């Protein structure tokens, strides 16, 4: 099992090349095209990011789980929602309703 984990990138590249070398009529199937695109994306991600593609969901979850900038951290660009509503509609915002 360690051998498979160690050479998984090379195995994916070999499968991708094998799929590309299939005869034209078999390559036009949607399932084969989907597999080629997914394998290509996975190989590209692993080569660019230098980490397994299985780490991507954790990275995305961490990115979207961060808190946004607070008013004190970003004074020049942060607008409170109440201020935006009041500026747009000209009436004091009452967001509790």
C-alpha atoms as a PDB file:
ATOM      1  CA  UNK A   1       0.000   0.000   0.000  1.00  0.00           C
ATOM      2  CA  UNK A   2       2.913   2.363   0.664  1.00  0.00           C
ATOM      3  CA  UNK A   3       4.158   1.756  -2.852  1.00  0.00           C
ATOM      4  CA  UNK A   4       0.802   2.840  -4.264  1.00  0.00           C
ATOM      5  CA  UNK A   5       0.763   5.995  -2.127  1.00  0.00           C
ATOM      6  CA  UNK A   6       4.345   6.810  -3.053  1.00  0.00           C
ATOM      7  CA  UNK A   7       3.804   6.539  -6.815  1.00  0.00           C
ATOM      8  CA  UNK A   8       0.172   7.704  -7.056  1.00  0.00           C
ATOM      9  CA  UNK A   9       1.074  10.762  -9.161  1.00  0.00           C
ATOM     10  CA  UNK A  10       2.935   8.623 -11.706  1.00  0.00           C
ATOM     11  CA  UNK A  11       0.058   6.150 -11.774  1.00  0.00           C
ATOM     12  CA  UNK A  12      -2.427   8.961 -12.462  1.00  0.00           C
ATOM     13  CA  UNK A  13      -0.200  10.291 -15.260  1.00  0.00           C
ATOM     14  CA  UNK A  14       0.039   6.812 -16.804  1.00  0.00           C
ATOM     15  CA  UNK A  15      -3.754   6.375 -16.685  1.00  0.00           C
ATOM     16  CA  UNK A  16      -4.261   9.824 -18.234  1.00  0.00           C
ATOM     17  CA  UNK A  17      -1.861   9.029 -21.080  1.00  0.00           C
ATOM     18  CA  UNK A  18      -3.591   5.671 -21.577  1.00  0.00           C
ATOM     19  CA  UNK A  19      -6.976   7.382 -21.794  1.00  0.00           C
ATOM     20  CA  UNK A  20      -5.662   9.931 -24.260  1.00  0.00           C
ATOM     21  CA  UNK A  21      -4.230   7.159 -26.445  1.00  0.00           C
ATOM     22  CA  UNK A  22      -7.583   5.350 -26.664  1.00  0.00           C
ATOM     23  CA  UNK A  23      -9.141   5.148 -30.123  1.00  0.00           C
ATOM     24  CA  UNK A  24     -11.084   8.246 -31.136  1.00  0.00           C
ATOM     25  CA  UNK A  25     -14.554   6.617 -30.976  1.00  0.00           C
ATOM     26  CA  UNK A  26     -14.017   5.462 -27.378  1.00  0.00           C
ATOM     27  CA  UNK A  27     -12.518   8.794 -26.311  1.00  0.00           C
ATOM     28  CA  UNK A  28     -15.673  10.680 -27.323  1.00  0.00           C
ATOM     29  CA  UNK A  29     -17.773   9.038 -24.595  1.00  0.00           C
ATOM     30  CA  UNK A  30     -18.803  11.435 -21.837  1.00  0.00           C
ATOM     31  CA  UNK A  31     -17.506   9.186 -19.070  1.00  0.00           C
ATOM     32  CA  UNK A  32     -14.047   8.959 -20.636  1.00  0.00           C
ATOM     33  CA  UNK A  33     -13.935  12.720 -21.264  1.00  0.00           C
ATOM     34  CA  UNK A  34     -14.995  13.381 -17.674  1.00  0.00           C
ATOM     35  CA  UNK A  35     -12.307  11.040 -16.385  1.00  0.00           C
ATOM     36  CA  UNK A  36      -9.666  12.748 -18.547  1.00  0.00           C
ATOM     37  CA  UNK A  37     -10.671  16.199 -17.242  1.00  0.00           C
ATOM     38  CA  UNK A  38     -10.756  15.089 -13.594  1.00  0.00           C
ATOM     39  CA  UNK A  39      -7.405  13.319 -13.841  1.00  0.00           C
ATOM     40  CA  UNK A  40      -5.878  16.299 -15.628  1.00  0.00           C
ATOM     41  CA  UNK A  41      -7.137  18.659 -12.940  1.00  0.00           C
ATOM     42  CA  UNK A  42      -5.878  16.374 -10.155  1.00  0.00           C
ATOM     43  CA  UNK A  43      -2.437  16.036 -11.713  1.00  0.00           C
ATOM     44  CA  UNK A  44      -2.185  19.784 -12.321  1.00  0.00           C
ATOM     45  CA  UNK A  45      -3.261  20.566  -8.762  1.00  0.00           C
ATOM     46  CA  UNK A  46      -0.726  18.178  -7.267  1.00  0.00           C
ATOM     47  CA  UNK A  47       2.097  19.516  -9.424  1.00  0.00           C
ATOM     48  CA  UNK A  48       1.301  23.172  -8.764  1.00  0.00           C
ATOM     49  CA  UNK A  49       0.415  22.976  -5.059  1.00  0.00           C
ATOM     50  CA  UNK A  50       2.897  20.223  -4.098  1.00  0.00           C
ATOM     51  CA  UNK A  51       0.245  18.493  -2.006  1.00  0.00           C
ATOM     52  CA  UNK A  52      -2.234  15.675  -2.653  1.00  0.00           C
ATOM     53  CA  UNK A  53      -5.547  16.664  -4.202  1.00  0.00           C
ATOM     54  CA  UNK A  54      -7.267  15.095  -1.188  1.00  0.00           C
ATOM     55  CA  UNK A  55      -6.080  18.094   0.882  1.00  0.00           C
ATOM     56  CA  UNK A  56      -8.068  20.545  -1.277  1.00  0.00           C
ATOM     57  CA  UNK A  57     -11.410  20.229   0.615  1.00  0.00           C
ATOM     58  CA  UNK A  58      -9.645  21.040   3.886  1.00  0.00           C
ATOM     59  CA  UNK A  59      -7.926  24.046   2.322  1.00  0.00           C
ATOM     60  CA  UNK A  60     -11.248  25.338   0.904  1.00  0.00           C
ATOM     61  CA  UNK A  61     -13.034  24.777   4.223  1.00  0.00           C
ATOM     62  CA  UNK A  62     -10.301  26.634   6.093  1.00  0.00           C
ATOM     63  CA  UNK A  63     -10.438  29.543   3.634  1.00  0.00           C
ATOM     64  CA  UNK A  64     -14.207  29.995   3.881  1.00  0.00           C
ATOM     65  CA  UNK A  65     -14.219  29.375   7.643  1.00  0.00           C
ATOM     66  CA  UNK A  66     -12.140  32.453   8.396  1.00  0.00           C
ATOM     67  CA  UNK A  67     -13.784  35.516   9.824  1.00  0.00           C
ATOM     68  CA  UNK A  68     -13.952  38.625   7.702  1.00  0.00           C
ATOM     69  CA  UNK A  69     -12.173  41.860   8.469  1.00  0.00           C
ATOM     70  CA  UNK A  70     -13.589  43.770  11.387  1.00  0.00           C
ATOM     71  CA  UNK A  71     -14.247  47.507  11.472  1.00  0.00           C
ATOM     72  CA  UNK A  72     -11.040  48.192  13.414  1.00  0.00           C
ATOM     73  CA  UNK A  73      -8.830  46.095  11.118  1.00  0.00           C
ATOM     74  CA  UNK A  74      -9.933  47.689   7.900  1.00  0.00           C
ATOM     75  CA  UNK A  75     -11.189  51.164   8.688  1.00  0.00           C
ATOM     76  CA  UNK A  76     -10.909  52.599   5.188  1.00  0.00           C
ATOM     77  CA  UNK A  77     -12.767  49.851   3.342  1.00  0.00           C
ATOM     78  CA  UNK A  78     -15.186  48.372   5.863  1.00  0.00           C
ATOM     79  CA  UNK A  79     -18.724  49.751   5.817  1.00  0.00           C
ATOM     80  CA  UNK A  80     -21.187  48.596   8.414  1.00  0.00           C
ATOM     81  CA  UNK A  81     -24.339  47.125   6.817  1.00  0.00           C
ATOM     82  CA  UNK A  82     -26.479  49.676   8.652  1.00  0.00           C
ATOM     83  CA  UNK A  83     -24.472  52.558   7.179  1.00  0.00           C
ATOM     84  CA  UNK A  84     -24.745  51.127   3.664  1.00  0.00           C
ATOM     85  CA  UNK A  85     -28.523  50.760   3.906  1.00  0.00           C
ATOM     86  CA  UNK A  86     -28.894  54.255   5.321  1.00  0.00           C
ATOM     87  CA  UNK A  87     -26.697  55.709   2.573  1.00  0.00           C
ATOM     88  CA  UNK A  88     -28.565  53.853  -0.181  1.00  0.00           C
ATOM     89  CA  UNK A  89     -32.138  54.425   0.986  1.00  0.00           C
ATOM     90  CA  UNK A  90     -31.732  57.586   3.078  1.00  0.00           C
ATOM     91  CA  UNK A  91     -33.510  56.185   6.111  1.00  0.00           C
ATOM     92  CA  UNK A  92     -32.005  54.822   9.304  1.00  0.00           C
ATOM     93  CA  UNK A  93     -31.533  51.090   9.023  1.00  0.00           C
ATOM     94  CA  UNK A  94     -33.425  48.843  11.360  1.00  0.00           C
ATOM     95  CA  UNK A  95     -32.113  45.331  10.728  1.00  0.00           C
ATOM     96  CA  UNK A  96     -33.789  43.752  13.766  1.00  0.00           C
ATOM     97  CA  UNK A  97     -37.101  43.272  11.948  1.00  0.00           C
END
